[in-house]
Amino acid sequence: MGGIDFSIIGLVIAVVTGIGSFWFGRQMRLKRGAKQREKDRIAAQANETRQQRRARERKERG
């Protein structure tokens, strides 16, 4: 392999680091998506008419 020595410890470290990086990136993406959805929801509510707002509030109450 061109003089490159792959050790078991090095491979384990690389796999653990890769899995950790994947998990961290996924958590950050989910958090960012939740913030964006909340921002969109607030913007949509700001543009509601009074009738739409009252209908939504009745639906939310049960």
PDB file of N, CA and C in Angstrom:
ATOM      1  N   MET A   1       0.828  -1.200   0.000  1.00  0.00           N
ATOM      2  CA  MET A   1       0.000   0.000   0.000  1.00  0.00           C
ATOM      3  C   MET A   1       0.866   1.257   0.000  1.00  0.00           C
ATOM      4  N   GLY A   2       1.883   1.263  -0.751  1.00  0.00           N
ATOM      5  CA  GLY A   2       2.691   2.460  -0.890  1.00  0.00           C
ATOM      6  C   GLY A   2       3.436   2.847   0.369  1.00  0.00           C
ATOM      7  N   GLY A   3       3.728   1.872   1.234  1.00  0.00           N
ATOM      8  CA  GLY A   3       4.471   2.165   2.447  1.00  0.00           C
ATOM      9  C   GLY A   3       3.629   2.725   3.575  1.00  0.00           C
ATOM     10  N   ILE A   4       2.292   2.744   3.429  1.00  0.00           N
ATOM     11  CA  ILE A   4       1.422   3.254   4.487  1.00  0.00           C
ATOM     12  C   ILE A   4       1.073   2.098   5.410  1.00  0.00           C
ATOM     13  N   ASP A   5       1.294   2.305   6.707  1.00  0.00           N
ATOM     14  CA  ASP A   5       1.026   1.257   7.693  1.00  0.00           C
ATOM     15  C   ASP A   5      -0.297   1.561   8.400  1.00  0.00           C
ATOM     16  N   PHE A   6      -1.294   0.702   8.200  1.00  0.00           N
ATOM     17  CA  PHE A   6      -2.583   0.852   8.866  1.00  0.00           C
ATOM     18  C   PHE A   6      -2.599  -0.037  10.099  1.00  0.00           C
ATOM     19  N   SER A   7      -2.726   0.568  11.245  1.00  0.00           N
ATOM     20  CA  SER A   7      -2.802  -0.223  12.462  1.00  0.00           C
ATOM     21  C   SER A   7      -4.265  -0.367  12.875  1.00  0.00           C
ATOM     22  N   ILE A   8      -4.537  -1.373  13.656  1.00  0.00           N
ATOM     23  CA  ILE A   8      -5.892  -1.613  14.138  1.00  0.00           C
ATOM     24  C   ILE A   8      -6.355  -0.444  15.002  1.00  0.00           C
ATOM     25  N   ILE A   9      -5.489   0.057  15.841  1.00  0.00           N
ATOM     26  CA  ILE A   9      -5.843   1.187  16.717  1.00  0.00           C
ATOM     27  C   ILE A   9      -6.191   2.410  15.880  1.00  0.00           C
ATOM     28  N   GLY A  10      -5.413   2.665  14.855  1.00  0.00           N
ATOM     29  CA  GLY A  10      -5.686   3.810  13.981  1.00  0.00           C
ATOM     30  C   GLY A  10      -7.012   3.673  13.266  1.00  0.00           C
ATOM     31  N   LEU A  11      -7.318   2.472  12.803  1.00  0.00           N
ATOM     32  CA  LEU A  11      -8.602   2.246  12.135  1.00  0.00           C
ATOM     33  C   LEU A  11      -9.766   2.420  13.097  1.00  0.00           C
ATOM     34  N   VAL A  12      -9.624   1.927  14.325  1.00  0.00           N
ATOM     35  CA  VAL A  12     -10.686   2.081  15.333  1.00  0.00           C
ATOM     36  C   VAL A  12     -10.901   3.554  15.638  1.00  0.00           C
ATOM     37  N   ILE A  13      -9.830   4.290  15.809  1.00  0.00           N
ATOM     38  CA  ILE A  13      -9.945   5.730  16.075  1.00  0.00           C
ATOM     39  C   ILE A  13     -10.636   6.433  14.911  1.00  0.00           C
ATOM     40  N   ALA A  14     -10.284   6.076  13.688  1.00  0.00           N
ATOM     41  CA  ALA A  14     -10.902   6.701  12.511  1.00  0.00           C
ATOM     42  C   ALA A  14     -12.389   6.387  12.441  1.00  0.00           C
ATOM     43  N   VAL A  15     -12.765   5.138  12.722  1.00  0.00           N
ATOM     44  CA  VAL A  15     -14.184   4.757  12.681  1.00  0.00           C
ATOM     45  C   VAL A  15     -14.962   5.482  13.769  1.00  0.00           C
ATOM     46  N   VAL A  16     -14.434   5.512  14.984  1.00  0.00           N
ATOM     47  CA  VAL A  16     -15.120   6.189  16.090  1.00  0.00           C
ATOM     48  C   VAL A  16     -15.253   7.676  15.793  1.00  0.00           C
ATOM     49  N   THR A  17     -14.219   8.289  15.274  1.00  0.00           N
ATOM     50  CA  THR A  17     -14.264   9.707  14.927  1.00  0.00           C
ATOM     51  C   THR A  17     -15.294   9.965  13.829  1.00  0.00           C
ATOM     52  N   GLY A  18     -15.336   9.092  12.832  1.00  0.00           N
ATOM     53  CA  GLY A  18     -16.319   9.240  11.751  1.00  0.00           C
ATOM     54  C   GLY A  18     -17.741   9.121  12.256  1.00  0.00           C
ATOM     55  N   ILE A  19     -17.996   8.149  13.105  1.00  0.00           N
ATOM     56  CA  ILE A  19     -19.344   7.974  13.675  1.00  0.00           C
ATOM     57  C   ILE A  19     -19.716   9.172  14.535  1.00  0.00           C
ATOM     58  N   GLY A  20     -18.779   9.648  15.337  1.00  0.00           N
ATOM     59  CA  GLY A  20     -19.034  10.821  16.176  1.00  0.00           C
ATOM     60  C   GLY A  20     -19.322  12.062  15.347  1.00  0.00           C
ATOM     61  N   SER A  21     -18.597  12.238  14.285  1.00  0.00           N
ATOM     62  CA  SER A  21     -18.804  13.376  13.397  1.00  0.00           C
ATOM     63  C   SER A  21     -20.171  13.300  12.727  1.00  0.00           C
ATOM     64  N   PHE A  22     -20.553  12.100  12.281  1.00  0.00           N
ATOM     65  CA  PHE A  22     -21.867  11.908  11.661  1.00  0.00           C
ATOM     66  C   PHE A  22     -22.982  12.236  12.658  1.00  0.00           C
ATOM     67  N   TRP A  23     -22.877  11.724  13.866  1.00  0.00           N
ATOM     68  CA  TRP A  23     -23.902  11.952  14.894  1.00  0.00           C
ATOM     69  C   TRP A  23     -24.007  13.441  15.232  1.00  0.00           C
ATOM     70  N   PHE A  24     -22.868  14.098  15.430  1.00  0.00           N
ATOM     71  CA  PHE A  24     -22.864  15.517  15.772  1.00  0.00           C
ATOM     72  C   PHE A  24     -23.473  16.355  14.645  1.00  0.00           C
ATOM     73  N   GLY A  25     -23.105  16.063  13.419  1.00  0.00           N
ATOM     74  CA  GLY A  25     -23.661  16.794  12.276  1.00  0.00           C
ATOM     75  C   GLY A  25     -25.156  16.598  12.159  1.00  0.00           C
ATOM     76  N   ARG A  26     -25.625  15.384  12.409  1.00  0.00           N
ATOM     77  CA  ARG A  26     -27.057  15.097  12.344  1.00  0.00           C
ATOM     78  C   ARG A  26     -27.819  15.870  13.423  1.00  0.00           C
ATOM     79  N   GLN A  27     -27.268  15.906  14.634  1.00  0.00           N
ATOM     80  CA  GLN A  27     -27.915  16.641  15.722  1.00  0.00           C
ATOM     81  C   GLN A  27     -27.994  18.139  15.403  1.00  0.00           C
ATOM     82  N   MET A  28     -26.930  18.675  14.858  1.00  0.00           N
ATOM     83  CA  MET A  28     -26.906  20.093  14.507  1.00  0.00           C
ATOM     84  C   MET A  28     -27.917  20.395  13.400  1.00  0.00           C
ATOM     85  N   ARG A  29     -28.029  19.495  12.414  1.00  0.00           N
ATOM     86  CA  ARG A  29     -28.969  19.702  11.318  1.00  0.00           C
ATOM     87  C   ARG A  29     -30.406  19.641  11.823  1.00  0.00           C
ATOM     88  N   LEU A  30     -30.705  18.708  12.713  1.00  0.00           N
ATOM     89  CA  LEU A  30     -32.062  18.601  13.261  1.00  0.00           C
ATOM     90  C   LEU A  30     -32.418  19.832  14.089  1.00  0.00           C
ATOM     91  N   LYS A  31     -31.456  20.321  14.858  1.00  0.00           N
ATOM     92  CA  LYS A  31     -31.678  21.513  15.674  1.00  0.00           C
ATOM     93  C   LYS A  31     -31.931  22.733  14.788  1.00  0.00           C
ATOM     94  N   ARG A  32     -31.142  22.864  13.732  1.00  0.00           N
ATOM     95  CA  ARG A  32     -31.304  23.991  12.812  1.00  0.00           C
ATOM     96  C   ARG A  32     -32.650  23.896  12.097  1.00  0.00           C
ATOM     97  N   GLY A  33     -33.066  22.700  11.721  1.00  0.00           N
ATOM     98  CA  GLY A  33     -34.354  22.508  11.061  1.00  0.00           C
ATOM     99  C   GLY A  33     -35.516  22.859  11.970  1.00  0.00           C
ATOM    100  N   ALA A  34     -35.412  22.499  13.247  1.00  0.00           N
ATOM    101  CA  ALA A  34     -36.472  22.819  14.200  1.00  0.00           C
ATOM    102  C   ALA A  34     -36.595  24.333  14.383  1.00  0.00           C
ATOM    103  N   LYS A  35     -35.474  25.009  14.449  1.00  0.00           N
ATOM    104  CA  LYS A  35     -35.505  26.470  14.580  1.00  0.00           C
ATOM    105  C   LYS A  35     -36.149  27.113  13.353  1.00  0.00           C
ATOM    106  N   GLN A  36     -35.820  26.600  12.168  1.00  0.00           N
ATOM    107  CA  GLN A  36     -36.376  27.153  10.933  1.00  0.00           C
ATOM    108  C   GLN A  36     -37.887  26.911  10.858  1.00  0.00           C
ATOM    109  N   ARG A  37     -38.335  25.709  11.252  1.00  0.00           N
ATOM    110  CA  ARG A  37     -39.777  25.420  11.254  1.00  0.00           C
ATOM    111  C   ARG A  37     -40.522  26.326  12.213  1.00  0.00           C
ATOM    112  N   GLU A  38     -39.940  26.578  13.385  1.00  0.00           N
ATOM    113  CA  GLU A  38     -40.574  27.469  14.367  1.00  0.00           C
ATOM    114  C   GLU A  38     -40.646  28.894  13.813  1.00  0.00           C
ATOM    115  N   LYS A  39     -39.587  29.324  13.163  1.00  0.00           N
ATOM    116  CA  LYS A  39     -39.554  30.665  12.570  1.00  0.00           C
ATOM    117  C   LYS A  39     -40.622  30.800  11.475  1.00  0.00           C
ATOM    118  N   ASP A  40     -40.759  29.765  10.645  1.00  0.00           N
ATOM    119  CA  ASP A  40     -41.773  29.771   9.593  1.00  0.00           C
ATOM    120  C   ASP A  40     -43.185  29.776  10.177  1.00  0.00           C
ATOM    121  N   ARG A  41     -43.380  29.008  11.265  1.00  0.00           N
ATOM    122  CA  ARG A  41     -44.693  28.954  11.912  1.00  0.00           C
ATOM    123  C   ARG A  41     -45.075  30.328  12.468  1.00  0.00           C
ATOM    124  N   ILE A  42     -44.148  30.992  13.095  1.00  0.00           N
ATOM    125  CA  ILE A  42     -44.407  32.322  13.655  1.00  0.00           C
ATOM    126  C   ILE A  42     -44.717  33.314  12.535  1.00  0.00           C
ATOM    127  N   ALA A  43     -43.989  33.232  11.432  1.00  0.00           N
ATOM    128  CA  ALA A  43     -44.238  34.123  10.301  1.00  0.00           C
ATOM    129  C   ALA A  43     -45.617  33.867   9.702  1.00  0.00           C
ATOM    130  N   ALA A  44     -46.014  32.600   9.614  1.00  0.00           N
ATOM    131  CA  ALA A  44     -47.334  32.277   9.068  1.00  0.00           C
ATOM    132  C   ALA A  44     -48.437  32.793   9.979  1.00  0.00           C
ATOM    133  N   GLN A  45     -48.241  32.667  11.287  1.00  0.00           N
ATOM    134  CA  GLN A  45     -49.242  33.171  12.232  1.00  0.00           C
ATOM    135  C   GLN A  45     -49.355  34.685  12.183  1.00  0.00           C
ATOM    136  N   ALA A  46     -48.266  35.361  11.906  1.00  0.00           N
ATOM    137  CA  ALA A  46     -48.284  36.818  11.850  1.00  0.00           C
ATOM    138  C   ALA A  46     -49.123  37.311  10.673  1.00  0.00           C
ATOM    139  N   ASN A  47     -49.254  36.487   9.640  1.00  0.00           N
ATOM    140  CA  ASN A  47     -50.005  36.892   8.458  1.00  0.00           C
ATOM    141  C   ASN A  47     -51.453  36.415   8.466  1.00  0.00           C
ATOM    142  N   GLU A  48     -51.884  35.787   9.567  1.00  0.00           N
ATOM    143  CA  GLU A  48     -53.256  35.289   9.640  1.00  0.00           C
ATOM    144  C   GLU A  48     -54.254  36.433   9.819  1.00  0.00           C
ATOM    145  N   THR A  49     -55.444  36.235   9.283  1.00  0.00           N
ATOM    146  CA  THR A  49     -56.525  37.178   9.562  1.00  0.00           C
ATOM    147  C   THR A  49     -57.079  36.855  10.951  1.00  0.00           C
ATOM    148  N   ARG A  50     -57.894  37.728  11.465  1.00  0.00           N
ATOM    149  CA  ARG A  50     -58.482  37.498  12.781  1.00  0.00           C
ATOM    150  C   ARG A  50     -59.336  36.232  12.780  1.00  0.00           C
ATOM    151  N   GLN A  51     -60.083  36.008  11.704  1.00  0.00           N
ATOM    152  CA  GLN A  51     -60.930  34.823  11.603  1.00  0.00           C
ATOM    153  C   GLN A  51     -60.076  33.553  11.584  1.00  0.00           C
ATOM    154  N   GLN A  52     -58.990  33.571  10.835  1.00  0.00           N
ATOM    155  CA  GLN A  52     -58.111  32.414  10.786  1.00  0.00           C
ATOM    156  C   GLN A  52     -57.468  32.160  12.151  1.00  0.00           C
ATOM    157  N   ARG A  53     -57.070  33.235  12.823  1.00  0.00           N
ATOM    158  CA  ARG A  53     -56.447  33.103  14.142  1.00  0.00           C
ATOM    159  C   ARG A  53     -57.417  32.483  15.140  1.00  0.00           C
ATOM    160  N   ARG A  54     -58.668  32.951  15.144  1.00  0.00           N
ATOM    161  CA  ARG A  54     -59.662  32.402  16.073  1.00  0.00           C
ATOM    162  C   ARG A  54     -59.955  30.943  15.762  1.00  0.00           C
ATOM    163  N   ALA A  55     -60.039  30.574  14.492  1.00  0.00           N
ATOM    164  CA  ALA A  55     -60.281  29.181  14.121  1.00  0.00           C
ATOM    165  C   ALA A  55     -59.123  28.297  14.578  1.00  0.00           C
ATOM    166  N   ARG A  56     -57.889  28.766  14.403  1.00  0.00           N
ATOM    167  CA  ARG A  56     -56.716  28.001  14.837  1.00  0.00           C
ATOM    168  C   ARG A  56     -56.704  27.841  16.352  1.00  0.00           C
ATOM    169  N   GLU A  57     -57.034  28.914  17.072  1.00  0.00           N
ATOM    170  CA  GLU A  57     -57.054  28.839  18.536  1.00  0.00           C
ATOM    171  C   GLU A  57     -58.127  27.865  19.026  1.00  0.00           C
ATOM    172  N   ARG A  58     -59.281  27.864  18.365  1.00  0.00           N
ATOM    173  CA  ARG A  58     -60.333  26.907  18.762  1.00  0.00           C
ATOM    174  C   ARG A  58     -59.865  25.474  18.523  1.00  0.00           C
ATOM    175  N   LYS A  59     -59.214  25.263  17.397  1.00  0.00           N
ATOM    176  CA  LYS A  59     -58.712  23.925  17.065  1.00  0.00           C
ATOM    177  C   LYS A  59     -57.651  23.476  18.075  1.00  0.00           C
ATOM    178  N   GLU A  60     -56.781  24.378  18.472  1.00  0.00           N
ATOM    179  CA  GLU A  60     -55.715  24.044  19.429  1.00  0.00           C
ATOM    180  C   GLU A  60     -56.276  23.738  20.816  1.00  0.00           C
ATOM    181  N   ARG A  61     -57.364  24.413  21.185  1.00  0.00           N
ATOM    182  CA  ARG A  61     -57.958  24.180  22.513  1.00  0.00           C
ATOM    183  C   ARG A  61     -58.632  22.810  22.616  1.00  0.00           C
ATOM    184  N   GLY A  62     -59.034  22.277  21.490  1.00  0.00           N
ATOM    185  CA  GLY A  62     -59.625  20.938  21.575  1.00  0.00           C
ATOM    186  C   GLY A  62     -60.839  20.858  20.801  1.00  0.00           C
TER     187      GLY A  62
END
